[in-house]
Amino acid sequence: MKIYAVVALAVLLSCQAKADEGKVAARQWKAKCSSCHGLDGRAQTASGQKMKIIDFTSADFKKKPDAELRSAIVDGVDKGDKLMDPFKDELTPEQIEGLIKLIKAL
């Protein structure tokens, strides 16, 4: 019976950790990304429309590999009228991975 209690506690702690990671990613998204990408990832903001940022909920975007998203977050984007500052000095690797998961879930 004790082993079930230990397993149940481990599952609860794992779920709590994932929930906490999701909250951190959501706060990071709101603070650092939503002004251009929008809260919903559709880039229907003044900046998003001006820079013609891709809709993160589109089928084309969903095909992008995680490595491409990671590179954009870490190194930034500088493609003519599309400009995003790098976040390599502001976000931990865990926060970056959390953002990638959040973006893919939009």
PDB file of N, CA and C in Angstrom:
ATOM      1  N   MET A   1       0.805  -1.190   0.000  1.00  0.00           N
ATOM      2  CA  MET A   1       0.000   0.000   0.000  1.00  0.00           C
ATOM      3  C   MET A   1       0.857   1.267   0.000  1.00  0.00           C
ATOM      4  N   LYS A   2       2.008   1.216   0.687  1.00  0.00           N
ATOM      5  CA  LYS A   2       2.869   2.391   0.762  1.00  0.00           C
ATOM      6  C   LYS A   2       3.437   2.760  -0.598  1.00  0.00           C
ATOM      7  N   ILE A   3       3.732   1.766  -1.429  1.00  0.00           N
ATOM      8  CA  ILE A   3       4.290   2.050  -2.751  1.00  0.00           C
ATOM      9  C   ILE A   3       3.302   2.856  -3.590  1.00  0.00           C
ATOM     10  N   TYR A   4       2.005   2.585  -3.433  1.00  0.00           N
ATOM     11  CA  TYR A   4       0.993   3.343  -4.169  1.00  0.00           C
ATOM     12  C   TYR A   4       0.967   4.794  -3.722  1.00  0.00           C
ATOM     13  N   ALA A   5       1.157   5.014  -2.439  1.00  0.00           N
ATOM     14  CA  ALA A   5       1.184   6.380  -1.913  1.00  0.00           C
ATOM     15  C   ALA A   5       2.395   7.132  -2.467  1.00  0.00           C
ATOM     16  N   VAL A   6       3.533   6.463  -2.548  1.00  0.00           N
ATOM     17  CA  VAL A   6       4.741   7.082  -3.088  1.00  0.00           C
ATOM     18  C   VAL A   6       4.552   7.403  -4.564  1.00  0.00           C
ATOM     19  N   VAL A   7       3.995   6.472  -5.314  1.00  0.00           N
ATOM     20  CA  VAL A   7       3.744   6.688  -6.737  1.00  0.00           C
ATOM     21  C   VAL A   7       2.753   7.827  -6.927  1.00  0.00           C
ATOM     22  N   ALA A   8       1.692   7.842  -6.147  1.00  0.00           N
ATOM     23  CA  ALA A   8       0.691   8.908  -6.246  1.00  0.00           C
ATOM     24  C   ALA A   8       1.315  10.263  -5.948  1.00  0.00           C
ATOM     25  N   LEU A   9       2.162  10.330  -4.938  1.00  0.00           N
ATOM     26  CA  LEU A   9       2.833  11.582  -4.598  1.00  0.00           C
ATOM     27  C   LEU A   9       3.756  12.015  -5.736  1.00  0.00           C
ATOM     28  N   ALA A  10       4.480  11.088  -6.320  1.00  0.00           N
ATOM     29  CA  ALA A  10       5.379  11.407  -7.432  1.00  0.00           C
ATOM     30  C   ALA A  10       4.595  11.954  -8.623  1.00  0.00           C
ATOM     31  N   VAL A  11       3.455  11.346  -8.914  1.00  0.00           N
ATOM     32  CA  VAL A  11       2.608  11.813 -10.015  1.00  0.00           C
ATOM     33  C   VAL A  11       2.081  13.215  -9.718  1.00  0.00           C
ATOM     34  N   LEU A  12       1.626  13.452  -8.518  1.00  0.00           N
ATOM     35  CA  LEU A  12       1.127  14.776  -8.143  1.00  0.00           C
ATOM     36  C   LEU A  12       2.218  15.833  -8.253  1.00  0.00           C
ATOM     37  N   LEU A  13       3.405  15.517  -7.774  1.00  0.00           N
ATOM     38  CA  LEU A  13       4.514  16.470  -7.844  1.00  0.00           C
ATOM     39  C   LEU A  13       4.900  16.746  -9.289  1.00  0.00           C
ATOM     40  N   SER A  14       4.887  15.713 -10.126  1.00  0.00           N
ATOM     41  CA  SER A  14       5.195  15.886 -11.539  1.00  0.00           C
ATOM     42  C   SER A  14       4.164  16.779 -12.217  1.00  0.00           C
ATOM     43  N   CYS A  15       2.900  16.562 -11.911  1.00  0.00           N
ATOM     44  CA  CYS A  15       1.832  17.389 -12.481  1.00  0.00           C
ATOM     45  C   CYS A  15       1.964  18.834 -12.017  1.00  0.00           C
ATOM     46  N   GLN A  16       2.297  19.013 -10.747  1.00  0.00           N
ATOM     47  CA  GLN A  16       2.467  20.369 -10.211  1.00  0.00           C
ATOM     48  C   GLN A  16       3.635  21.069 -10.895  1.00  0.00           C
ATOM     49  N   ALA A  17       4.738  20.340 -11.099  1.00  0.00           N
ATOM     50  CA  ALA A  17       5.907  20.925 -11.763  1.00  0.00           C
ATOM     51  C   ALA A  17       5.555  21.353 -13.185  1.00  0.00           C
ATOM     52  N   LYS A  18       4.801  20.520 -13.903  1.00  0.00           N
ATOM     53  CA  LYS A  18       4.397  20.860 -15.271  1.00  0.00           C
ATOM     54  C   LYS A  18       3.468  22.065 -15.273  1.00  0.00           C
ATOM     55  N   ALA A  19       2.559  22.139 -14.309  1.00  0.00           N
ATOM     56  CA  ALA A  19       1.657  23.285 -14.202  1.00  0.00           C
ATOM     57  C   ALA A  19       2.451  24.556 -13.925  1.00  0.00           C
ATOM     58  N   ASP A  20       3.450  24.451 -13.031  1.00  0.00           N
ATOM     59  CA  ASP A  20       4.291  25.609 -12.727  1.00  0.00           C
ATOM     60  C   ASP A  20       5.074  26.057 -13.959  1.00  0.00           C
ATOM     61  N   GLU A  21       5.619  25.094 -14.722  1.00  0.00           N
ATOM     62  CA  GLU A  21       6.343  25.424 -15.949  1.00  0.00           C
ATOM     63  C   GLU A  21       5.430  26.150 -16.930  1.00  0.00           C
ATOM     64  N   GLY A  22       4.201  25.688 -17.033  1.00  0.00           N
ATOM     65  CA  GLY A  22       3.237  26.324 -17.927  1.00  0.00           C
ATOM     66  C   GLY A  22       2.929  27.745 -17.510  1.00  0.00           C
ATOM     67  N   LYS A  23       2.829  27.981 -16.205  1.00  0.00           N
ATOM     68  CA  LYS A  23       2.564  29.330 -15.700  1.00  0.00           C
ATOM     69  C   LYS A  23       3.733  30.258 -15.991  1.00  0.00           C
ATOM     70  N   VAL A  24       4.942  29.745 -15.806  1.00  0.00           N
ATOM     71  CA  VAL A  24       6.136  30.551 -16.086  1.00  0.00           C
ATOM     72  C   VAL A  24       6.184  30.906 -17.574  1.00  0.00           C
ATOM     73  N   ALA A  25       5.935  29.924 -18.431  1.00  0.00           N
ATOM     74  CA  ALA A  25       5.944  30.171 -19.875  1.00  0.00           C
ATOM     75  C   ALA A  25       4.876  31.195 -20.253  1.00  0.00           C
ATOM     76  N   ALA A  26       3.705  31.092 -19.659  1.00  0.00           N
ATOM     77  CA  ALA A  26       2.624  32.037 -19.956  1.00  0.00           C
ATOM     78  C   ALA A  26       3.012  33.457 -19.528  1.00  0.00           C
ATOM     79  N   ARG A  27       3.667  33.574 -18.376  1.00  0.00           N
ATOM     80  CA  ARG A  27       4.120  34.904 -17.925  1.00  0.00           C
ATOM     81  C   ARG A  27       5.190  35.455 -18.870  1.00  0.00           C
ATOM     82  N   GLN A  28       6.127  34.594 -19.287  1.00  0.00           N
ATOM     83  CA  GLN A  28       7.166  35.024 -20.220  1.00  0.00           C
ATOM     84  C   GLN A  28       6.544  35.460 -21.547  1.00  0.00           C
ATOM     85  N   TRP A  29       5.591  34.676 -22.034  1.00  0.00           N
ATOM     86  CA  TRP A  29       4.911  35.006 -23.294  1.00  0.00           C
ATOM     87  C   TRP A  29       4.247  36.371 -23.194  1.00  0.00           C
ATOM     88  N   LYS A  30       3.513  36.568 -22.123  1.00  0.00           N
ATOM     89  CA  LYS A  30       2.790  37.834 -21.956  1.00  0.00           C
ATOM     90  C   LYS A  30       3.763  39.008 -21.857  1.00  0.00           C
ATOM     91  N   ALA A  31       4.857  38.832 -21.118  1.00  0.00           N
ATOM     92  CA  ALA A  31       5.807  39.915 -20.898  1.00  0.00           C
ATOM     93  C   ALA A  31       6.694  40.197 -22.106  1.00  0.00           C
ATOM     94  N   LYS A  32       7.120  39.179 -22.815  1.00  0.00           N
ATOM     95  CA  LYS A  32       8.147  39.358 -23.832  1.00  0.00           C
ATOM     96  C   LYS A  32       7.668  39.165 -25.279  1.00  0.00           C
ATOM     97  N   CYS A  33       6.552  38.493 -25.473  1.00  0.00           N
ATOM     98  CA  CYS A  33       6.163  38.098 -26.829  1.00  0.00           C
ATOM     99  C   CYS A  33       4.838  38.690 -27.308  1.00  0.00           C
ATOM    100  N   SER A  34       3.897  38.848 -26.401  1.00  0.00           N
ATOM    101  CA  SER A  34       2.530  39.164 -26.807  1.00  0.00           C
ATOM    102  C   SER A  34       2.368  40.539 -27.443  1.00  0.00           C
ATOM    103  N   SER A  35       3.273  41.471 -27.180  1.00  0.00           N
ATOM    104  CA  SER A  35       3.113  42.804 -27.777  1.00  0.00           C
ATOM    105  C   SER A  35       3.187  42.747 -29.300  1.00  0.00           C
ATOM    106  N   CYS A  36       3.916  41.799 -29.845  1.00  0.00           N
ATOM    107  CA  CYS A  36       3.987  41.624 -31.301  1.00  0.00           C
ATOM    108  C   CYS A  36       3.170  40.423 -31.770  1.00  0.00           C
ATOM    109  N   HIS A  37       3.309  39.298 -31.069  1.00  0.00           N
ATOM    110  CA  HIS A  37       2.668  38.055 -31.490  1.00  0.00           C
ATOM    111  C   HIS A  37       1.226  37.931 -31.025  1.00  0.00           C
ATOM    112  N   GLY A  38       0.793  38.809 -30.109  1.00  0.00           N
ATOM    113  CA  GLY A  38      -0.566  38.737 -29.575  1.00  0.00           C
ATOM    114  C   GLY A  38      -0.679  37.671 -28.505  1.00  0.00           C
ATOM    115  N   LEU A  39      -1.647  37.817 -27.636  1.00  0.00           N
ATOM    116  CA  LEU A  39      -1.849  36.828 -26.576  1.00  0.00           C
ATOM    117  C   LEU A  39      -2.176  35.455 -27.151  1.00  0.00           C
ATOM    118  N   ASP A  40      -2.848  35.435 -28.311  1.00  0.00           N
ATOM    119  CA  ASP A  40      -3.271  34.172 -28.916  1.00  0.00           C
ATOM    120  C   ASP A  40      -2.300  33.644 -29.974  1.00  0.00           C
ATOM    121  N   GLY A  41      -1.203  34.375 -30.237  1.00  0.00           N
ATOM    122  CA  GLY A  41      -0.205  33.930 -31.205  1.00  0.00           C
ATOM    123  C   GLY A  41      -0.557  34.211 -32.654  1.00  0.00           C
ATOM    124  N   ARG A  42      -1.632  34.930 -32.902  1.00  0.00           N
ATOM    125  CA  ARG A  42      -2.055  35.183 -34.284  1.00  0.00           C
ATOM    126  C   ARG A  42      -1.418  36.431 -34.893  1.00  0.00           C
ATOM    127  N   ALA A  43      -0.640  37.178 -34.101  1.00  0.00           N
ATOM    128  CA  ALA A  43       0.087  38.370 -34.556  1.00  0.00           C
ATOM    129  C   ALA A  43      -0.836  39.459 -35.085  1.00  0.00           C
ATOM    130  N   GLN A  44      -2.025  39.542 -34.542  1.00  0.00           N
ATOM    131  CA  GLN A  44      -2.973  40.569 -34.958  1.00  0.00           C
ATOM    132  C   GLN A  44      -2.831  41.819 -34.088  1.00  0.00           C
ATOM    133  N   THR A  45      -1.599  42.228 -33.885  1.00  0.00           N
ATOM    134  CA  THR A  45      -1.284  43.451 -33.158  1.00  0.00           C
ATOM    135  C   THR A  45      -0.757  44.456 -34.171  1.00  0.00           C
ATOM    136  N   ALA A  46      -0.638  45.716 -33.778  1.00  0.00           N
ATOM    137  CA  ALA A  46      -0.101  46.727 -34.696  1.00  0.00           C
ATOM    138  C   ALA A  46       1.298  46.329 -35.167  1.00  0.00           C
ATOM    139  N   SER A  47       2.147  45.918 -34.235  1.00  0.00           N
ATOM    140  CA  SER A  47       3.510  45.512 -34.596  1.00  0.00           C
ATOM    141  C   SER A  47       3.506  44.245 -35.440  1.00  0.00           C
ATOM    142  N   GLY A  48       2.687  43.287 -35.064  1.00  0.00           N
ATOM    143  CA  GLY A  48       2.609  42.027 -35.795  1.00  0.00           C
ATOM    144  C   GLY A  48       2.173  42.221 -37.226  1.00  0.00           C
ATOM    145  N   GLN A  49       1.187  43.077 -37.425  1.00  0.00           N
ATOM    146  CA  GLN A  49       0.703  43.326 -38.782  1.00  0.00           C
ATOM    147  C   GLN A  49       1.712  44.131 -39.589  1.00  0.00           C
ATOM    148  N   LYS A  50       2.356  45.098 -38.941  1.00  0.00           N
ATOM    149  CA  LYS A  50       3.360  45.917 -39.633  1.00  0.00           C
ATOM    150  C   LYS A  50       4.519  45.048 -40.124  1.00  0.00           C
ATOM    151  N   MET A  51       4.957  44.112 -39.285  1.00  0.00           N
ATOM    152  CA  MET A  51       6.091  43.254 -39.643  1.00  0.00           C
ATOM    153  C   MET A  51       5.672  41.995 -40.399  1.00  0.00           C
ATOM    154  N   LYS A  52       4.362  41.815 -40.582  1.00  0.00           N
ATOM    155  CA  LYS A  52       3.829  40.636 -41.278  1.00  0.00           C
ATOM    156  C   LYS A  52       4.313  39.338 -40.623  1.00  0.00           C
ATOM    157  N   ILE A  53       4.167  39.292 -39.300  1.00  0.00           N
ATOM    158  CA  ILE A  53       4.580  38.123 -38.529  1.00  0.00           C
ATOM    159  C   ILE A  53       3.613  36.986 -38.803  1.00  0.00           C
ATOM    160  N   ILE A  54       4.143  35.790 -38.935  1.00  0.00           N
ATOM    161  CA  ILE A  54       3.330  34.603 -39.215  1.00  0.00           C
ATOM    162  C   ILE A  54       2.411  34.290 -38.025  1.00  0.00           C
ATOM    163  N   ASP A  55       1.249  33.809 -38.341  1.00  0.00           N
ATOM    164  CA  ASP A  55       0.267  33.356 -37.352  1.00  0.00           C
ATOM    165  C   ASP A  55       0.749  32.025 -36.788  1.00  0.00           C
ATOM    166  N   PHE A  56       1.050  32.004 -35.481  1.00  0.00           N
ATOM    167  CA  PHE A  56       1.570  30.793 -34.855  1.00  0.00           C
ATOM    168  C   PHE A  56       0.545  29.666 -34.784  1.00  0.00           C
ATOM    169  N   THR A  57      -0.708  29.969 -35.059  1.00  0.00           N
ATOM    170  CA  THR A  57      -1.732  28.922 -35.033  1.00  0.00           C
ATOM    171  C   THR A  57      -1.962  28.314 -36.417  1.00  0.00           C
ATOM    172  N   SER A  58      -1.258  28.817 -37.434  1.00  0.00           N
ATOM    173  CA  SER A  58      -1.457  28.332 -38.804  1.00  0.00           C
ATOM    174  C   SER A  58      -0.794  26.971 -39.022  1.00  0.00           C
ATOM    175  N   ALA A  59      -1.310  26.250 -40.000  1.00  0.00           N
ATOM    176  CA  ALA A  59      -0.761  24.934 -40.337  1.00  0.00           C
ATOM    177  C   ALA A  59       0.687  25.048 -40.815  1.00  0.00           C
ATOM    178  N   ASP A  60       0.999  26.104 -41.591  1.00  0.00           N
ATOM    179  CA  ASP A  60       2.370  26.297 -42.067  1.00  0.00           C
ATOM    180  C   ASP A  60       3.338  26.473 -40.907  1.00  0.00           C
ATOM    181  N   PHE A  61       2.929  27.246 -39.916  1.00  0.00           N
ATOM    182  CA  PHE A  61       3.808  27.469 -38.772  1.00  0.00           C
ATOM    183  C   PHE A  61       3.997  26.191 -37.965  1.00  0.00           C
ATOM    184  N   LYS A  62       2.948  25.412 -37.819  1.00  0.00           N
ATOM    185  CA  LYS A  62       3.014  24.186 -37.006  1.00  0.00           C
ATOM    186  C   LYS A  62       4.055  23.204 -37.549  1.00  0.00           C
ATOM    187  N   LYS A  63       4.413  23.334 -38.833  1.00  0.00           N
ATOM    188  CA  LYS A  63       5.395  22.443 -39.453  1.00  0.00           C
ATOM    189  C   LYS A  63       6.835  22.817 -39.107  1.00  0.00           C
ATOM    190  N   LYS A  64       7.041  24.002 -38.565  1.00  0.00           N
ATOM    191  CA  LYS A  64       8.397  24.456 -38.262  1.00  0.00           C
ATOM    192  C   LYS A  64       9.024  23.605 -37.162  1.00  0.00           C
ATOM    193  N   PRO A  65      10.285  23.247 -37.323  1.00  0.00           N
ATOM    194  CA  PRO A  65      10.956  22.450 -36.296  1.00  0.00           C
ATOM    195  C   PRO A  65      11.256  23.282 -35.046  1.00  0.00           C
ATOM    196  N   ASP A  66      11.301  22.611 -33.913  1.00  0.00           N
ATOM    197  CA  ASP A  66      11.603  23.289 -32.650  1.00  0.00           C
ATOM    198  C   ASP A  66      12.923  24.043 -32.723  1.00  0.00           C
ATOM    199  N   ALA A  67      13.897  23.498 -33.432  1.00  0.00           N
ATOM    200  CA  ALA A  67      15.213  24.136 -33.534  1.00  0.00           C
ATOM    201  C   ALA A  67      15.116  25.529 -34.152  1.00  0.00           C
ATOM    202  N   GLU A  68      14.201  25.698 -35.098  1.00  0.00           N
ATOM    203  CA  GLU A  68      14.020  27.005 -35.734  1.00  0.00           C
ATOM    204  C   GLU A  68      13.428  28.008 -34.741  1.00  0.00           C
ATOM    205  N   LEU A  69      12.472  27.550 -33.948  1.00  0.00           N
ATOM    206  CA  LEU A  69      11.890  28.423 -32.923  1.00  0.00           C
ATOM    207  C   LEU A  69      12.932  28.780 -31.872  1.00  0.00           C
ATOM    208  N   ARG A  70      13.679  27.783 -31.440  1.00  0.00           N
ATOM    209  CA  ARG A  70      14.725  27.991 -30.433  1.00  0.00           C
ATOM    210  C   ARG A  70      15.717  29.034 -30.932  1.00  0.00           C
ATOM    211  N   SER A  71      16.145  28.911 -32.178  1.00  0.00           N
ATOM    212  CA  SER A  71      17.097  29.853 -32.760  1.00  0.00           C
ATOM    213  C   SER A  71      16.537  31.271 -32.776  1.00  0.00           C
ATOM    214  N   ALA A  72      15.270  31.421 -33.151  1.00  0.00           N
ATOM    215  CA  ALA A  72      14.652  32.747 -33.180  1.00  0.00           C
ATOM    216  C   ALA A  72      14.591  33.355 -31.781  1.00  0.00           C
ATOM    217  N   ILE A  73      14.252  32.548 -30.787  1.00  0.00           N
ATOM    218  CA  ILE A  73      14.162  33.049 -29.413  1.00  0.00           C
ATOM    219  C   ILE A  73      15.548  33.397 -28.879  1.00  0.00           C
ATOM    220  N   VAL A  74      16.502  32.516 -29.094  1.00  0.00           N
ATOM    221  CA  VAL A  74      17.856  32.708 -28.549  1.00  0.00           C
ATOM    222  C   VAL A  74      18.602  33.821 -29.282  1.00  0.00           C
ATOM    223  N   ASP A  75      18.604  33.762 -30.610  1.00  0.00           N
ATOM    224  CA  ASP A  75      19.428  34.672 -31.410  1.00  0.00           C
ATOM    225  C   ASP A  75      18.684  35.874 -31.961  1.00  0.00           C
ATOM    226  N   GLY A  76      17.367  35.866 -31.859  1.00  0.00           N
ATOM    227  CA  GLY A  76      16.578  36.957 -32.420  1.00  0.00           C
ATOM    228  C   GLY A  76      16.338  36.756 -33.906  1.00  0.00           C
ATOM    229  N   VAL A  77      15.653  37.711 -34.503  1.00  0.00           N
ATOM    230  CA  VAL A  77      15.323  37.653 -35.923  1.00  0.00           C
ATOM    231  C   VAL A  77      15.629  39.013 -36.529  1.00  0.00           C
ATOM    232  N   ASP A  78      16.327  39.009 -37.639  1.00  0.00           N
ATOM    233  CA  ASP A  78      16.621  40.251 -38.355  1.00  0.00           C
ATOM    234  C   ASP A  78      16.471  39.975 -39.842  1.00  0.00           C
ATOM    235  N   LYS A  79      15.234  40.139 -40.322  1.00  0.00           N
ATOM    236  CA  LYS A  79      14.928  39.888 -41.731  1.00  0.00           C
ATOM    237  C   LYS A  79      14.239  41.122 -42.296  1.00  0.00           C
ATOM    238  N   GLY A  80      15.015  42.132 -42.611  1.00  0.00           N
ATOM    239  CA  GLY A  80      14.447  43.343 -43.179  1.00  0.00           C
ATOM    240  C   GLY A  80      13.527  44.042 -42.213  1.00  0.00           C
ATOM    241  N   ASP A  81      12.231  43.996 -42.527  1.00  0.00           N
ATOM    242  CA  ASP A  81      11.262  44.679 -41.660  1.00  0.00           C
ATOM    243  C   ASP A  81      10.826  43.821 -40.478  1.00  0.00           C
ATOM    244  N   LYS A  82      11.307  42.582 -40.409  1.00  0.00           N
ATOM    245  CA  LYS A  82      11.008  41.703 -39.273  1.00  0.00           C
ATOM    246  C   LYS A  82      12.200  41.725 -38.329  1.00  0.00           C
ATOM    247  N   LEU A  83      11.996  42.238 -37.128  1.00  0.00           N
ATOM    248  CA  LEU A  83      13.081  42.359 -36.178  1.00  0.00           C
ATOM    249  C   LEU A  83      12.611  41.919 -34.803  1.00  0.00           C
ATOM    250  N   MET A  84      13.342  40.982 -34.203  1.00  0.00           N
ATOM    251  CA  MET A  84      13.051  40.534 -32.844  1.00  0.00           C
ATOM    252  C   MET A  84      14.379  40.444 -32.105  1.00  0.00           C
ATOM    253  N   ASP A  85      14.432  41.056 -30.939  1.00  0.00           N
ATOM    254  CA  ASP A  85      15.650  41.015 -30.135  1.00  0.00           C
ATOM    255  C   ASP A  85      15.928  39.597 -29.655  1.00  0.00           C
ATOM    256  N   PRO A  86      17.204  39.265 -29.466  1.00  0.00           N
ATOM    257  CA  PRO A  86      17.552  37.956 -28.909  1.00  0.00           C
ATOM    258  C   PRO A  86      17.252  37.916 -27.413  1.00  0.00           C
ATOM    259  N   PHE A  87      16.909  36.744 -26.935  1.00  0.00           N
ATOM    260  CA  PHE A  87      16.596  36.571 -25.511  1.00  0.00           C
ATOM    261  C   PHE A  87      17.579  35.636 -24.815  1.00  0.00           C
ATOM    262  N   LYS A  88      18.720  35.351 -25.453  1.00  0.00           N
ATOM    263  CA  LYS A  88      19.684  34.409 -24.874  1.00  0.00           C
ATOM    264  C   LYS A  88      20.201  34.856 -23.516  1.00  0.00           C
ATOM    265  N   ASP A  89      20.266  36.146 -23.276  1.00  0.00           N
ATOM    266  CA  ASP A  89      20.764  36.644 -21.994  1.00  0.00           C
ATOM    267  C   ASP A  89      19.648  36.912 -20.983  1.00  0.00           C
ATOM    268  N   GLU A  90      18.400  36.753 -21.410  1.00  0.00           N
ATOM    269  CA  GLU A  90      17.266  37.049 -20.533  1.00  0.00           C
ATOM    270  C   GLU A  90      16.499  35.812 -20.075  1.00  0.00           C
ATOM    271  N   LEU A  91      16.587  34.734 -20.846  1.00  0.00           N
ATOM    272  CA  LEU A  91      15.821  33.525 -20.542  1.00  0.00           C
ATOM    273  C   LEU A  91      16.748  32.343 -20.313  1.00  0.00           C
ATOM    274  N   THR A  92      16.367  31.497 -19.383  1.00  0.00           N
ATOM    275  CA  THR A  92      17.124  30.270 -19.155  1.00  0.00           C
ATOM    276  C   THR A  92      16.752  29.254 -20.235  1.00  0.00           C
ATOM    277  N   PRO A  93      17.571  28.234 -20.422  1.00  0.00           N
ATOM    278  CA  PRO A  93      17.200  27.184 -21.385  1.00  0.00           C
ATOM    279  C   PRO A  93      15.833  26.557 -21.062  1.00  0.00           C
ATOM    280  N   GLU A  94      15.533  26.400 -19.786  1.00  0.00           N
ATOM    281  CA  GLU A  94      14.235  25.831 -19.385  1.00  0.00           C
ATOM    282  C   GLU A  94      13.091  26.767 -19.774  1.00  0.00           C
ATOM    283  N   GLN A  95      13.287  28.070 -19.619  1.00  0.00           N
ATOM    284  CA  GLN A  95      12.250  29.028 -20.003  1.00  0.00           C
ATOM    285  C   GLN A  95      12.048  29.029 -21.519  1.00  0.00           C
ATOM    286  N   ILE A  96      13.135  28.902 -22.254  1.00  0.00           N
ATOM    287  CA  ILE A  96      13.039  28.844 -23.712  1.00  0.00           C
ATOM    288  C   ILE A  96      12.268  27.602 -24.149  1.00  0.00           C
ATOM    289  N   GLU A  97      12.571  26.471 -23.544  1.00  0.00           N
ATOM    290  CA  GLU A  97      11.850  25.234 -23.876  1.00  0.00           C
ATOM    291  C   GLU A  97      10.376  25.364 -23.507  1.00  0.00           C
ATOM    292  N   GLY A  98      10.086  26.018 -22.385  1.00  0.00           N
ATOM    293  CA  GLY A  98       8.696  26.256 -21.990  1.00  0.00           C
ATOM    294  C   GLY A  98       7.963  27.109 -23.007  1.00  0.00           C
ATOM    295  N   LEU A  99       8.633  28.130 -23.524  1.00  0.00           N
ATOM    296  CA  LEU A  99       8.013  28.966 -24.556  1.00  0.00           C
ATOM    297  C   LEU A  99       7.763  28.188 -25.834  1.00  0.00           C
ATOM    298  N   ILE A 100       8.700  27.338 -26.204  1.00  0.00           N
ATOM    299  CA  ILE A 100       8.513  26.523 -27.417  1.00  0.00           C
ATOM    300  C   ILE A 100       7.284  25.629 -27.255  1.00  0.00           C
ATOM    301  N   LYS A 101       7.138  25.000 -26.095  1.00  0.00           N
ATOM    302  CA  LYS A 101       5.965  24.167 -25.843  1.00  0.00           C
ATOM    303  C   LYS A 101       4.677  24.994 -25.911  1.00  0.00           C
ATOM    304  N   LEU A 102       4.713  26.175 -25.319  1.00  0.00           N
ATOM    305  CA  LEU A 102       3.533  27.045 -25.335  1.00  0.00           C
ATOM    306  C   LEU A 102       3.185  27.438 -26.765  1.00  0.00           C
ATOM    307  N   ILE A 103       4.186  27.844 -27.525  1.00  0.00           N
ATOM    308  CA  ILE A 103       3.965  28.269 -28.914  1.00  0.00           C
ATOM    309  C   ILE A 103       3.382  27.119 -29.739  1.00  0.00           C
ATOM    310  N   LYS A 104       3.933  25.933 -29.583  1.00  0.00           N
ATOM    311  CA  LYS A 104       3.441  24.774 -30.338  1.00  0.00           C
ATOM    312  C   LYS A 104       2.011  24.401 -29.955  1.00  0.00           C
ATOM    313  N   ALA A 105       1.606  24.772 -28.736  1.00  0.00           N
ATOM    314  CA  ALA A 105       0.263  24.444 -28.269  1.00  0.00           C
ATOM    315  C   ALA A 105      -0.783  25.477 -28.700  1.00  0.00           C
ATOM    316  N   LEU A 106      -0.354  26.594 -29.266  1.00  0.00           N
ATOM    317  CA  LEU A 106      -1.318  27.638 -29.655  1.00  0.00           C
ATOM    318  C   LEU A 106      -2.223  27.154 -30.781  1.00  0.00           C
TER     319      LEU A 106
END
